[in-house]
Amino acid sequence: MILGDSSSGKSDLALRLIDRGAQLVADDYTEIRRDNDNLLADAPLTIRGRIEVRGLGIVALPHVDGVPITLAVRLCRDVERMPERATKAFAGVAIRVLTLDPRPASAPLIVEYALRYDLP
C-alpha cells in the first residue's frame, strides 16, 4: 500500500513496481477490510483496473482484489539513512511502514527488499 500526498509519486512508483512484476490493486482510493488479524485491499468498482498515468491519462491494466497488506510505503522526500522499524494501525491491525523517497531509480528495489527481507 503506497501512501502520500497528491502528486507525491504514488502512481509513478506503482507503475515502476508493476513493470517489475507487481500487480495493480487500486489507484487513488483503496477499500481496506479486516479479515481476522489481516488487512485485505480491494479496488472500488468505479476505478477497478484503472490507473492514472501522468501525461497519458487513465490507463486500463489487469488488477487483483483481496490482496493482503503487509507493508505501507509512505512517500516523503526527507528519508532517514538508517530508520528504526515503524508500524501504523489500520483498522486495528499493525502494518509495517517504510518511509521512502520515490524519486530515485532504486525506489522499487527498496520496496521489494523491504517486502522480501522483512525490513526495516
PDB file of N, CA and C in Angstrom:
ATOM      1  N   MET A   1       0.857  -1.155   0.000  1.00  0.00           N
ATOM      2  CA  MET A   1       0.000   0.000   0.000  1.00  0.00           C
ATOM      3  C   MET A   1       0.910   1.225   0.000  1.00  0.00           C
ATOM      4  N   ILE A   2       0.680   2.120  -0.956  1.00  0.00           N
ATOM      5  CA  ILE A   2       1.503   3.320  -1.090  1.00  0.00           C
ATOM      6  C   ILE A   2       0.702   4.517  -0.597  1.00  0.00           C
ATOM      7  N   LEU A   3       1.292   5.265   0.337  1.00  0.00           N
ATOM      8  CA  LEU A   3       0.644   6.425   0.946  1.00  0.00           C
ATOM      9  C   LEU A   3       1.421   7.684   0.599  1.00  0.00           C
ATOM     10  N   GLY A   4       0.727   8.778   0.354  1.00  0.00           N
ATOM     11  CA  GLY A   4       1.409  10.035   0.097  1.00  0.00           C
ATOM     12  C   GLY A   4       0.428  11.106  -0.321  1.00  0.00           C
ATOM     13  N   ASP A   5       0.909  12.334  -0.292  1.00  0.00           N
ATOM     14  CA  ASP A   5       0.099  13.472  -0.703  1.00  0.00           C
ATOM     15  C   ASP A   5      -0.182  13.403  -2.200  1.00  0.00           C
ATOM     16  N   SER A   6      -1.121  14.209  -2.642  1.00  0.00           N
ATOM     17  CA  SER A   6      -1.418  14.326  -4.063  1.00  0.00           C
ATOM     18  C   SER A   6      -0.151  14.740  -4.812  1.00  0.00           C
ATOM     19  N   SER A   7       0.110  14.127  -5.935  1.00  0.00           N
ATOM     20  CA  SER A   7       1.279  14.408  -6.789  1.00  0.00           C
ATOM     21  C   SER A   7       2.605  14.071  -6.125  1.00  0.00           C
ATOM     22  N   SER A   8       2.599  13.172  -5.133  1.00  0.00           N
ATOM     23  CA  SER A   8       3.850  12.801  -4.456  1.00  0.00           C
ATOM     24  C   SER A   8       4.593  11.676  -5.169  1.00  0.00           C
ATOM     25  N   GLY A   9       3.957  11.057  -6.172  1.00  0.00           N
ATOM     26  CA  GLY A   9       4.625   9.998  -6.917  1.00  0.00           C
ATOM     27  C   GLY A   9       4.072   8.607  -6.663  1.00  0.00           C
ATOM     28  N   LYS A  10       2.896   8.516  -6.065  1.00  0.00           N
ATOM     29  CA  LYS A  10       2.308   7.201  -5.753  1.00  0.00           C
ATOM     30  C   LYS A  10       2.073   6.367  -7.011  1.00  0.00           C
ATOM     31  N   SER A  11       1.397   6.945  -7.998  1.00  0.00           N
ATOM     32  CA  SER A  11       1.102   6.189  -9.221  1.00  0.00           C
ATOM     33  C   SER A  11       2.374   5.873  -9.994  1.00  0.00           C
ATOM     34  N   ASP A  12       3.318   6.801 -10.014  1.00  0.00           N
ATOM     35  CA  ASP A  12       4.582   6.560 -10.704  1.00  0.00           C
ATOM     36  C   ASP A  12       5.331   5.385 -10.077  1.00  0.00           C
ATOM     37  N   LEU A  13       5.419   5.357  -8.754  1.00  0.00           N
ATOM     38  CA  LEU A  13       6.079   4.238  -8.080  1.00  0.00           C
ATOM     39  C   LEU A  13       5.312   2.945  -8.336  1.00  0.00           C
ATOM     40  N   ALA A  14       3.985   3.005  -8.293  1.00  0.00           N
ATOM     41  CA  ALA A  14       3.179   1.810  -8.573  1.00  0.00           C
ATOM     42  C   ALA A  14       3.464   1.284  -9.977  1.00  0.00           C
ATOM     43  N   LEU A  15       3.548   2.168 -10.963  1.00  0.00           N
ATOM     44  CA  LEU A  15       3.844   1.738 -12.334  1.00  0.00           C
ATOM     45  C   LEU A  15       5.215   1.080 -12.434  1.00  0.00           C
ATOM     46  N   ARG A  16       6.200   1.626 -11.737  1.00  0.00           N
ATOM     47  CA  ARG A  16       7.541   1.021 -11.766  1.00  0.00           C
ATOM     48  C   ARG A  16       7.539  -0.341 -11.091  1.00  0.00           C
ATOM     49  N   LEU A  17       6.759  -0.492 -10.022  1.00  0.00           N
ATOM     50  CA  LEU A  17       6.641  -1.802  -9.367  1.00  0.00           C
ATOM     51  C   LEU A  17       5.895  -2.791 -10.265  1.00  0.00           C
ATOM     52  N   ILE A  18       4.837  -2.337 -10.931  1.00  0.00           N
ATOM     53  CA  ILE A  18       4.094  -3.195 -11.860  1.00  0.00           C
ATOM     54  C   ILE A  18       5.009  -3.646 -12.991  1.00  0.00           C
ATOM     55  N   ASP A  19       5.848  -2.752 -13.482  1.00  0.00           N
ATOM     56  CA  ASP A  19       6.803  -3.096 -14.539  1.00  0.00           C
ATOM     57  C   ASP A  19       7.765  -4.187 -14.085  1.00  0.00           C
ATOM     58  N   ARG A  20       7.982  -4.296 -12.773  1.00  0.00           N
ATOM     59  CA  ARG A  20       8.887  -5.302 -12.209  1.00  0.00           C
ATOM     60  C   ARG A  20       8.136  -6.555 -11.748  1.00  0.00           C
ATOM     61  N   GLY A  21       6.832  -6.636 -12.031  1.00  0.00           N
ATOM     62  CA  GLY A  21       6.098  -7.854 -11.715  1.00  0.00           C
ATOM     63  C   GLY A  21       5.023  -7.733 -10.654  1.00  0.00           C
ATOM     64  N   ALA A  22       4.909  -6.565 -10.014  1.00  0.00           N
ATOM     65  CA  ALA A  22       3.834  -6.372  -9.034  1.00  0.00           C
ATOM     66  C   ALA A  22       2.502  -6.276  -9.774  1.00  0.00           C
ATOM     67  N   GLN A  23       1.420  -6.338  -9.032  1.00  0.00           N
ATOM     68  CA  GLN A  23       0.094  -6.259  -9.636  1.00  0.00           C
ATOM     69  C   GLN A  23      -0.676  -5.079  -9.071  1.00  0.00           C
ATOM     70  N   LEU A  24      -1.455  -4.449  -9.927  1.00  0.00           N
ATOM     71  CA  LEU A  24      -2.290  -3.326  -9.517  1.00  0.00           C
ATOM     72  C   LEU A  24      -3.461  -3.820  -8.678  1.00  0.00           C
ATOM     73  N   VAL A  25      -3.675  -3.174  -7.552  1.00  0.00           N
ATOM     74  CA  VAL A  25      -4.901  -3.387  -6.787  1.00  0.00           C
ATOM     75  C   VAL A  25      -5.830  -2.213  -7.081  1.00  0.00           C
ATOM     76  N   ALA A  26      -5.395  -1.004  -6.740  1.00  0.00           N
ATOM     77  CA  ALA A  26      -6.218   0.184  -6.972  1.00  0.00           C
ATOM     78  C   ALA A  26      -5.329   1.413  -7.042  1.00  0.00           C
ATOM     79  N   ASP A  27      -5.809   2.418  -7.752  1.00  0.00           N
ATOM     80  CA  ASP A  27      -5.127   3.698  -7.833  1.00  0.00           C
ATOM     81  C   ASP A  27      -6.060   4.758  -7.264  1.00  0.00           C
ATOM     82  N   ASP A  28      -5.515   5.670  -6.505  1.00  0.00           N
ATOM     83  CA  ASP A  28      -6.221   6.809  -5.938  1.00  0.00           C
ATOM     84  C   ASP A  28      -7.016   6.474  -4.678  1.00  0.00           C
ATOM     85  N   TYR A  29      -7.738   5.382  -4.664  1.00  0.00           N
ATOM     86  CA  TYR A  29      -8.539   5.026  -3.492  1.00  0.00           C
ATOM     87  C   TYR A  29      -8.599   3.508  -3.393  1.00  0.00           C
ATOM     88  N   THR A  30      -8.364   2.976  -2.200  1.00  0.00           N
ATOM     89  CA  THR A  30      -8.382   1.533  -1.981  1.00  0.00           C
ATOM     90  C   THR A  30      -9.313   1.211  -0.822  1.00  0.00           C
ATOM     91  N   GLU A  31     -10.145   0.222  -1.022  1.00  0.00           N
ATOM     92  CA  GLU A  31     -11.003  -0.256   0.062  1.00  0.00           C
ATOM     93  C   GLU A  31     -10.213  -1.266   0.886  1.00  0.00           C
ATOM     94  N   ILE A  32     -10.195  -1.061   2.196  1.00  0.00           N
ATOM     95  CA  ILE A  32      -9.461  -1.945   3.100  1.00  0.00           C
ATOM     96  C   ILE A  32     -10.471  -2.641   3.999  1.00  0.00           C
ATOM     97  N   ARG A  33     -10.306  -3.945   4.136  1.00  0.00           N
ATOM     98  CA  ARG A  33     -11.183  -4.694   5.041  1.00  0.00           C
ATOM     99  C   ARG A  33     -10.339  -5.601   5.914  1.00  0.00           C
ATOM    100  N   ARG A  34     -10.830  -5.781   7.109  1.00  0.00           N
ATOM    101  CA  ARG A  34     -10.132  -6.632   8.064  1.00  0.00           C
ATOM    102  C   ARG A  34     -10.688  -8.051   7.972  1.00  0.00           C
ATOM    103  N   ASP A  35      -9.789  -9.025   7.953  1.00  0.00           N
ATOM    104  CA  ASP A  35     -10.151 -10.440   7.965  1.00  0.00           C
ATOM    105  C   ASP A  35      -9.330 -11.088   9.069  1.00  0.00           C
ATOM    106  N   ASN A  36      -9.933 -11.241  10.251  1.00  0.00           N
ATOM    107  CA  ASN A  36      -9.229 -11.692  11.458  1.00  0.00           C
ATOM    108  C   ASN A  36      -8.096 -10.723  11.755  1.00  0.00           C
ATOM    109  N   ASP A  37      -6.846 -11.174  11.735  1.00  0.00           N
ATOM    110  CA  ASP A  37      -5.708 -10.293  12.024  1.00  0.00           C
ATOM    111  C   ASP A  37      -5.030  -9.785  10.761  1.00  0.00           C
ATOM    112  N   ASN A  38      -5.683  -9.894   9.628  1.00  0.00           N
ATOM    113  CA  ASN A  38      -5.108  -9.454   8.355  1.00  0.00           C
ATOM    114  C   ASN A  38      -5.917  -8.309   7.775  1.00  0.00           C
ATOM    115  N   LEU A  39      -5.235  -7.485   6.984  1.00  0.00           N
ATOM    116  CA  LEU A  39      -5.911  -6.455   6.202  1.00  0.00           C
ATOM    117  C   LEU A  39      -5.865  -6.873   4.746  1.00  0.00           C
ATOM    118  N   LEU A  40      -6.986  -6.724   4.064  1.00  0.00           N
ATOM    119  CA  LEU A  40      -7.062  -7.052   2.649  1.00  0.00           C
ATOM    120  C   LEU A  40      -7.443  -5.800   1.876  1.00  0.00           C
ATOM    121  N   ALA A  41      -6.868  -5.645   0.685  1.00  0.00           N
ATOM    122  CA  ALA A  41      -7.114  -4.473  -0.150  1.00  0.00           C
ATOM    123  C   ALA A  41      -7.904  -4.864  -1.394  1.00  0.00           C
ATOM    124  N   ASP A  42      -8.879  -4.029  -1.718  1.00  0.00           N
ATOM    125  CA  ASP A  42      -9.708  -4.212  -2.908  1.00  0.00           C
ATOM    126  C   ASP A  42      -9.851  -2.870  -3.618  1.00  0.00           C
ATOM    127  N   ALA A  43     -10.112  -2.937  -4.922  1.00  0.00           N
ATOM    128  CA  ALA A  43     -10.385  -1.723  -5.689  1.00  0.00           C
ATOM    129  C   ALA A  43     -11.876  -1.434  -5.676  1.00  0.00           C
ATOM    130  N   PRO A  44     -12.257  -0.175  -5.502  1.00  0.00           N
ATOM    131  CA  PRO A  44     -13.663   0.173  -5.655  1.00  0.00           C
ATOM    132  C   PRO A  44     -14.113  -0.130  -7.092  1.00  0.00           C
ATOM    133  N   LEU A  45     -15.336  -0.511  -7.255  1.00  0.00           N
ATOM    134  CA  LEU A  45     -15.857  -0.891  -8.563  1.00  0.00           C
ATOM    135  C   LEU A  45     -15.655   0.203  -9.608  1.00  0.00           C
ATOM    136  N   THR A  46     -15.804   1.462  -9.216  1.00  0.00           N
ATOM    137  CA  THR A  46     -15.741   2.574 -10.172  1.00  0.00           C
ATOM    138  C   THR A  46     -14.359   2.793 -10.773  1.00  0.00           C
ATOM    139  N   ILE A  47     -13.293   2.347 -10.092  1.00  0.00           N
ATOM    140  CA  ILE A  47     -11.937   2.565 -10.619  1.00  0.00           C
ATOM    141  C   ILE A  47     -11.173   1.259 -10.811  1.00  0.00           C
ATOM    142  N   ARG A  48     -11.846   0.152 -10.702  1.00  0.00           N
ATOM    143  CA  ARG A  48     -11.211  -1.168 -10.806  1.00  0.00           C
ATOM    144  C   ARG A  48     -10.477  -1.307 -12.147  1.00  0.00           C
ATOM    145  N   GLY A  49      -9.186  -1.681 -12.072  1.00  0.00           N
ATOM    146  CA  GLY A  49      -8.405  -1.919 -13.280  1.00  0.00           C
ATOM    147  C   GLY A  49      -7.975  -0.666 -14.015  1.00  0.00           C
ATOM    148  N   ARG A  50      -7.943   0.467 -13.308  1.00  0.00           N
ATOM    149  CA  ARG A  50      -7.540   1.724 -13.944  1.00  0.00           C
ATOM    150  C   ARG A  50      -6.488   2.420 -13.093  1.00  0.00           C
ATOM    151  N   ILE A  51      -5.547   3.058 -13.782  1.00  0.00           N
ATOM    152  CA  ILE A  51      -4.523   3.837 -13.095  1.00  0.00           C
ATOM    153  C   ILE A  51      -4.261   5.096 -13.913  1.00  0.00           C
ATOM    154  N   GLU A  52      -4.019   6.203 -13.212  1.00  0.00           N
ATOM    155  CA  GLU A  52      -3.688   7.445 -13.908  1.00  0.00           C
ATOM    156  C   GLU A  52      -2.204   7.458 -14.227  1.00  0.00           C
ATOM    157  N   VAL A  53      -1.901   7.652 -15.495  1.00  0.00           N
ATOM    158  CA  VAL A  53      -0.515   7.770 -15.942  1.00  0.00           C
ATOM    159  C   VAL A  53      -0.328   9.208 -16.396  1.00  0.00           C
ATOM    160  N   ARG A  54       0.461   9.951 -15.616  1.00  0.00           N
ATOM    161  CA  ARG A  54       0.657  11.368 -15.921  1.00  0.00           C
ATOM    162  C   ARG A  54       1.213  11.523 -17.337  1.00  0.00           C
ATOM    163  N   GLY A  55       0.562  12.352 -18.118  1.00  0.00           N
ATOM    164  CA  GLY A  55       0.965  12.573 -19.497  1.00  0.00           C
ATOM    165  C   GLY A  55       0.207  11.707 -20.493  1.00  0.00           C
ATOM    166  N   LEU A  56      -0.462  10.652 -20.014  1.00  0.00           N
ATOM    167  CA  LEU A  56      -1.253   9.785 -20.897  1.00  0.00           C
ATOM    168  C   LEU A  56      -2.731   9.807 -20.555  1.00  0.00           C
ATOM    169  N   GLY A  57      -3.042   9.917 -19.273  1.00  0.00           N
ATOM    170  CA  GLY A  57      -4.426   9.858 -18.824  1.00  0.00           C
ATOM    171  C   GLY A  57      -4.703   8.572 -18.067  1.00  0.00           C
ATOM    172  N   ILE A  58      -5.947   8.115 -18.101  1.00  0.00           N
ATOM    173  CA  ILE A  58      -6.348   6.897 -17.401  1.00  0.00           C
ATOM    174  C   ILE A  58      -6.048   5.705 -18.305  1.00  0.00           C
ATOM    175  N   VAL A  59      -5.339   4.727 -17.745  1.00  0.00           N
ATOM    176  CA  VAL A  59      -4.921   3.540 -18.494  1.00  0.00           C
ATOM    177  C   VAL A  59      -5.526   2.309 -17.823  1.00  0.00           C
ATOM    178  N   ALA A  60      -6.027   1.383 -18.640  1.00  0.00           N
ATOM    179  CA  ALA A  60      -6.572   0.124 -18.119  1.00  0.00           C
ATOM    180  C   ALA A  60      -5.441  -0.886 -17.963  1.00  0.00           C
ATOM    181  N   LEU A  61      -5.377  -1.521 -16.791  1.00  0.00           N
ATOM    182  CA  LEU A  61      -4.383  -2.554 -16.504  1.00  0.00           C
ATOM    183  C   LEU A  61      -5.072  -3.700 -15.779  1.00  0.00           C
ATOM    184  N   PRO A  62      -4.524  -4.906 -15.896  1.00  0.00           N
ATOM    185  CA  PRO A  62      -5.061  -6.001 -15.084  1.00  0.00           C
ATOM    186  C   PRO A  62      -4.918  -5.652 -13.602  1.00  0.00           C
ATOM    187  N   HIS A  63      -5.842  -6.135 -12.793  1.00  0.00           N
ATOM    188  CA  HIS A  63      -5.780  -5.846 -11.359  1.00  0.00           C
ATOM    189  C   HIS A  63      -6.155  -7.098 -10.576  1.00  0.00           C
ATOM    190  N   VAL A  64      -5.880  -7.056  -9.288  1.00  0.00           N
ATOM    191  CA  VAL A  64      -6.251  -8.142  -8.380  1.00  0.00           C
ATOM    192  C   VAL A  64      -6.980  -7.543  -7.180  1.00  0.00           C
ATOM    193  N   ASP A  65      -7.818  -8.354  -6.547  1.00  0.00           N
ATOM    194  CA  ASP A  65      -8.533  -7.944  -5.340  1.00  0.00           C
ATOM    195  C   ASP A  65      -8.208  -8.909  -4.215  1.00  0.00           C
ATOM    196  N   GLY A  66      -8.531  -8.508  -2.992  1.00  0.00           N
ATOM    197  CA  GLY A  66      -8.328  -9.378  -1.837  1.00  0.00           C
ATOM    198  C   GLY A  66      -6.870  -9.615  -1.507  1.00  0.00           C
ATOM    199  N   VAL A  67      -6.037  -8.610  -1.741  1.00  0.00           N
ATOM    200  CA  VAL A  67      -4.596  -8.736  -1.529  1.00  0.00           C
ATOM    201  C   VAL A  67      -4.251  -8.394  -0.081  1.00  0.00           C
ATOM    202  N   PRO A  68      -3.510  -9.272   0.612  1.00  0.00           N
ATOM    203  CA  PRO A  68      -3.091  -8.955   1.982  1.00  0.00           C
ATOM    204  C   PRO A  68      -2.134  -7.759   1.994  1.00  0.00           C
ATOM    205  N   ILE A  69      -2.352  -6.854   2.927  1.00  0.00           N
ATOM    206  CA  ILE A  69      -1.464  -5.699   3.092  1.00  0.00           C
ATOM    207  C   ILE A  69      -0.445  -6.048   4.169  1.00  0.00           C
ATOM    208  N   THR A  70       0.830  -6.066   3.796  1.00  0.00           N
ATOM    209  CA  THR A  70       1.894  -6.375   4.754  1.00  0.00           C
ATOM    210  C   THR A  70       2.882  -5.225   4.922  1.00  0.00           C
ATOM    211  N   LEU A  71       2.774  -4.207   4.062  1.00  0.00           N
ATOM    212  CA  LEU A  71       3.691  -3.075   4.123  1.00  0.00           C
ATOM    213  C   LEU A  71       2.976  -1.832   3.623  1.00  0.00           C
ATOM    214  N   ALA A  72       3.155  -0.727   4.339  1.00  0.00           N
ATOM    215  CA  ALA A  72       2.693   0.581   3.882  1.00  0.00           C
ATOM    216  C   ALA A  72       3.933   1.392   3.539  1.00  0.00           C
ATOM    217  N   VAL A  73       3.977   1.933   2.338  1.00  0.00           N
ATOM    218  CA  VAL A  73       5.101   2.752   1.896  1.00  0.00           C
ATOM    219  C   VAL A  73       4.637   4.201   1.929  1.00  0.00           C
ATOM    220  N   ARG A  74       5.239   4.974   2.839  1.00  0.00           N
ATOM    221  CA  ARG A  74       4.881   6.392   2.995  1.00  0.00           C
ATOM    222  C   ARG A  74       5.886   7.220   2.215  1.00  0.00           C
ATOM    223  N   LEU A  75       5.422   7.939   1.205  1.00  0.00           N
ATOM    224  CA  LEU A  75       6.319   8.716   0.360  1.00  0.00           C
ATOM    225  C   LEU A  75       6.665  10.042   1.010  1.00  0.00           C
ATOM    226  N   CYS A  76       7.957  10.333   1.006  1.00  0.00           N
ATOM    227  CA  CYS A  76       8.489  11.525   1.660  1.00  0.00           C
ATOM    228  C   CYS A  76       9.847  11.810   1.028  1.00  0.00           C
ATOM    229  N   ARG A  77      10.192  13.061   0.868  1.00  0.00           N
ATOM    230  CA  ARG A  77      11.478  13.386   0.239  1.00  0.00           C
ATOM    231  C   ARG A  77      12.636  13.416   1.227  1.00  0.00           C
ATOM    232  N   ASP A  78      12.336  13.508   2.514  1.00  0.00           N
ATOM    233  CA  ASP A  78      13.374  13.548   3.541  1.00  0.00           C
ATOM    234  C   ASP A  78      13.342  12.220   4.293  1.00  0.00           C
ATOM    235  N   VAL A  79      14.269  11.329   3.962  1.00  0.00           N
ATOM    236  CA  VAL A  79      14.262   9.963   4.488  1.00  0.00           C
ATOM    237  C   VAL A  79      15.511   9.722   5.332  1.00  0.00           C
ATOM    238  N   GLU A  80      15.319   9.080   6.490  1.00  0.00           N
ATOM    239  CA  GLU A  80      16.458   8.708   7.332  1.00  0.00           C
ATOM    240  C   GLU A  80      17.301   7.651   6.627  1.00  0.00           C
ATOM    241  N   ARG A  81      18.610   7.709   6.847  1.00  0.00           N
ATOM    242  CA  ARG A  81      19.508   6.722   6.233  1.00  0.00           C
ATOM    243  C   ARG A  81      19.365   5.353   6.868  1.00  0.00           C
ATOM    244  N   MET A  82      19.209   5.292   8.190  1.00  0.00           N
ATOM    245  CA  MET A  82      19.124   4.027   8.924  1.00  0.00           C
ATOM    246  C   MET A  82      17.899   4.069   9.845  1.00  0.00           C
ATOM    247  N   PRO A  83      16.708   3.923   9.294  1.00  0.00           N
ATOM    248  CA  PRO A  83      15.499   4.095  10.107  1.00  0.00           C
ATOM    249  C   PRO A  83      15.234   2.921  11.044  1.00  0.00           C
ATOM    250  N   GLU A  84      14.561   3.235  12.129  1.00  0.00           N
ATOM    251  CA  GLU A  84      14.049   2.196  13.020  1.00  0.00           C
ATOM    252  C   GLU A  84      12.792   1.612  12.378  1.00  0.00           C
ATOM    253  N   ARG A  85      12.446   0.414  12.783  1.00  0.00           N
ATOM    254  CA  ARG A  85      11.214  -0.206  12.293  1.00  0.00           C
ATOM    255  C   ARG A  85      10.017   0.600  12.800  1.00  0.00           C
ATOM    256  N   ALA A  86       9.083   0.883  11.921  1.00  0.00           N
ATOM    257  CA  ALA A  86       7.897   1.654  12.280  1.00  0.00           C
ATOM    258  C   ALA A  86       6.650   0.875  11.880  1.00  0.00           C
ATOM    259  N   THR A  87       5.586   1.073  12.637  1.00  0.00           N
ATOM    260  CA  THR A  87       4.299   0.465  12.306  1.00  0.00           C
ATOM    261  C   THR A  87       3.199   1.500  12.478  1.00  0.00           C
ATOM    262  N   LYS A  88       2.085   1.235  11.842  1.00  0.00           N
ATOM    263  CA  LYS A  88       0.901   2.080  11.989  1.00  0.00           C
ATOM    264  C   LYS A  88      -0.310   1.157  11.975  1.00  0.00           C
ATOM    265  N   ALA A  89      -1.290   1.485  12.805  1.00  0.00           N
ATOM    266  CA  ALA A  89      -2.504   0.668  12.870  1.00  0.00           C
ATOM    267  C   ALA A  89      -3.505   1.127  11.814  1.00  0.00           C
ATOM    268  N   PHE A  90      -3.983   0.176  11.039  1.00  0.00           N
ATOM    269  CA  PHE A  90      -5.060   0.383  10.080  1.00  0.00           C
ATOM    270  C   PHE A  90      -6.162  -0.594  10.464  1.00  0.00           C
ATOM    271  N   ALA A  91      -7.336  -0.085  10.774  1.00  0.00           N
ATOM    272  CA  ALA A  91      -8.459  -0.931  11.202  1.00  0.00           C
ATOM    273  C   ALA A  91      -8.050  -1.858  12.342  1.00  0.00           C
ATOM    274  N   GLY A  92      -7.172  -1.359  13.217  1.00  0.00           N
ATOM    275  CA  GLY A  92      -6.745  -2.129  14.379  1.00  0.00           C
ATOM    276  C   GLY A  92      -5.666  -3.157  14.113  1.00  0.00           C
ATOM    277  N   VAL A  93      -5.113  -3.184  12.904  1.00  0.00           N
ATOM    278  CA  VAL A  93      -4.050  -4.132  12.553  1.00  0.00           C
ATOM    279  C   VAL A  93      -2.759  -3.349  12.334  1.00  0.00           C
ATOM    280  N   ALA A  94      -1.684  -3.735  13.036  1.00  0.00           N
ATOM    281  CA  ALA A  94      -0.389  -3.059  12.895  1.00  0.00           C
ATOM    282  C   ALA A  94       0.275  -3.488  11.588  1.00  0.00           C
ATOM    283  N   ILE A  95       0.649  -2.498  10.781  1.00  0.00           N
ATOM    284  CA  ILE A  95       1.298  -2.729   9.491  1.00  0.00           C
ATOM    285  C   ILE A  95       2.639  -1.998   9.500  1.00  0.00           C
ATOM    286  N   ARG A  96       3.677  -2.665   8.996  1.00  0.00           N
ATOM    287  CA  ARG A  96       4.987  -2.018   8.872  1.00  0.00           C
ATOM    288  C   ARG A  96       4.886  -0.816   7.940  1.00  0.00           C
ATOM    289  N   VAL A  97       5.629   0.234   8.266  1.00  0.00           N
ATOM    290  CA  VAL A  97       5.652   1.438   7.440  1.00  0.00           C
ATOM    291  C   VAL A  97       7.088   1.713   7.013  1.00  0.00           C
ATOM    292  N   LEU A  98       7.287   1.819   5.716  1.00  0.00           N
ATOM    293  CA  LEU A  98       8.577   2.183   5.137  1.00  0.00           C
ATOM    294  C   LEU A  98       8.447   3.594   4.595  1.00  0.00           C
ATOM    295  N   THR A  99       9.287   4.515   5.076  1.00  0.00           N
ATOM    296  CA  THR A  99       9.307   5.870   4.543  1.00  0.00           C
ATOM    297  C   THR A  99      10.316   5.895   3.408  1.00  0.00           C
ATOM    298  N   LEU A 100       9.888   6.375   2.244  1.00  0.00           N
ATOM    299  CA  LEU A 100      10.689   6.242   1.030  1.00  0.00           C
ATOM    300  C   LEU A 100      10.584   7.486   0.164  1.00  0.00           C
ATOM    301  N   ASP A 101      11.717   7.912  -0.375  1.00  0.00           N
ATOM    302  CA  ASP A 101      11.730   8.942  -1.409  1.00  0.00           C
ATOM    303  C   ASP A 101      11.473   8.220  -2.732  1.00  0.00           C
ATOM    304  N   PRO A 102      10.372   8.510  -3.422  1.00  0.00           N
ATOM    305  CA  PRO A 102      10.044   7.752  -4.624  1.00  0.00           C
ATOM    306  C   PRO A 102      10.846   8.139  -5.864  1.00  0.00           C
ATOM    307  N   ARG A 103      11.634   9.207  -5.796  1.00  0.00           N
ATOM    308  CA  ARG A 103      12.307   9.717  -6.988  1.00  0.00           C
ATOM    309  C   ARG A 103      13.479   8.879  -7.475  1.00  0.00           C
ATOM    310  N   PRO A 104      14.325   8.320  -6.611  1.00  0.00           N
ATOM    311  CA  PRO A 104      15.467   7.561  -7.127  1.00  0.00           C
ATOM    312  C   PRO A 104      15.038   6.326  -7.916  1.00  0.00           C
ATOM    313  N   ALA A 105      15.857   5.950  -8.879  1.00  0.00           N
ATOM    314  CA  ALA A 105      15.589   4.755  -9.680  1.00  0.00           C
ATOM    315  C   ALA A 105      15.522   3.505  -8.813  1.00  0.00           C
ATOM    316  N   SER A 106      16.185   3.523  -7.664  1.00  0.00           N
ATOM    317  CA  SER A 106      16.219   2.353  -6.781  1.00  0.00           C
ATOM    318  C   SER A 106      14.959   2.201  -5.927  1.00  0.00           C
ATOM    319  N   ALA A 107      14.034   3.144  -5.969  1.00  0.00           N
ATOM    320  CA  ALA A 107      12.854   3.094  -5.095  1.00  0.00           C
ATOM    321  C   ALA A 107      12.077   1.779  -5.208  1.00  0.00           C
ATOM    322  N   PRO A 108      11.791   1.263  -6.416  1.00  0.00           N
ATOM    323  CA  PRO A 108      11.069  -0.013  -6.483  1.00  0.00           C
ATOM    324  C   PRO A 108      11.859  -1.172  -5.877  1.00  0.00           C
ATOM    325  N   LEU A 109      13.169  -1.153  -6.036  1.00  0.00           N
ATOM    326  CA  LEU A 109      14.014  -2.196  -5.446  1.00  0.00           C
ATOM    327  C   LEU A 109      13.957  -2.144  -3.929  1.00  0.00           C
ATOM    328  N   ILE A 110      13.966  -0.945  -3.374  1.00  0.00           N
ATOM    329  CA  ILE A 110      13.907  -0.796  -1.921  1.00  0.00           C
ATOM    330  C   ILE A 110      12.589  -1.364  -1.391  1.00  0.00           C
ATOM    331  N   VAL A 111      11.492  -1.103  -2.095  1.00  0.00           N
ATOM    332  CA  VAL A 111      10.197  -1.670  -1.688  1.00  0.00           C
ATOM    333  C   VAL A 111      10.258  -3.194  -1.746  1.00  0.00           C
ATOM    334  N   GLU A 112      10.814  -3.735  -2.827  1.00  0.00           N
ATOM    335  CA  GLU A 112      10.920  -5.191  -2.959  1.00  0.00           C
ATOM    336  C   GLU A 112      11.776  -5.791  -1.846  1.00  0.00           C
ATOM    337  N   TYR A 113      12.896  -5.163  -1.518  1.00  0.00           N
ATOM    338  CA  TYR A 113      13.762  -5.671  -0.442  1.00  0.00           C
ATOM    339  C   TYR A 113      13.037  -5.623   0.898  1.00  0.00           C
ATOM    340  N   ALA A 114      12.309  -4.526   1.147  1.00  0.00           N
ATOM    341  CA  ALA A 114      11.562  -4.411   2.408  1.00  0.00           C
ATOM    342  C   ALA A 114      10.546  -5.545   2.530  1.00  0.00           C
ATOM    343  N   LEU A 115       9.890  -5.880   1.438  1.00  0.00           N
ATOM    344  CA  LEU A 115       8.912  -6.976   1.453  1.00  0.00           C
ATOM    345  C   LEU A 115       9.589  -8.338   1.575  1.00  0.00           C
ATOM    346  N   ARG A 116      10.604  -8.557   0.771  1.00  0.00           N
ATOM    347  CA  ARG A 116      11.258  -9.866   0.715  1.00  0.00           C
ATOM    348  C   ARG A 116      11.990 -10.215   2.005  1.00  0.00           C
ATOM    349  N   TYR A 117      12.667  -9.232   2.587  1.00  0.00           N
ATOM    350  CA  TYR A 117      13.522  -9.497   3.747  1.00  0.00           C
ATOM    351  C   TYR A 117      12.948  -8.964   5.061  1.00  0.00           C
ATOM    352  N   ASP A 118      11.671  -8.565   5.052  1.00  0.00           N
ATOM    353  CA  ASP A 118      11.004  -8.073   6.255  1.00  0.00           C
ATOM    354  C   ASP A 118      11.793  -6.925   6.892  1.00  0.00           C
ATOM    355  N   LEU A 119      12.154  -5.937   6.074  1.00  0.00           N
ATOM    356  CA  LEU A 119      12.936  -4.785   6.515  1.00  0.00           C
ATOM    357  C   LEU A 119      12.064  -3.537   6.511  1.00  0.00           C
ATOM    358  N   PRO A 120      12.385  -2.453   7.127  1.00  0.00           N
ATOM    359  CA  PRO A 120      13.401  -2.375   8.182  1.00  0.00           C
ATOM    360  C   PRO A 120      12.899  -3.007   9.457  1.00  0.00           C
TER     361      PRO A 120
END
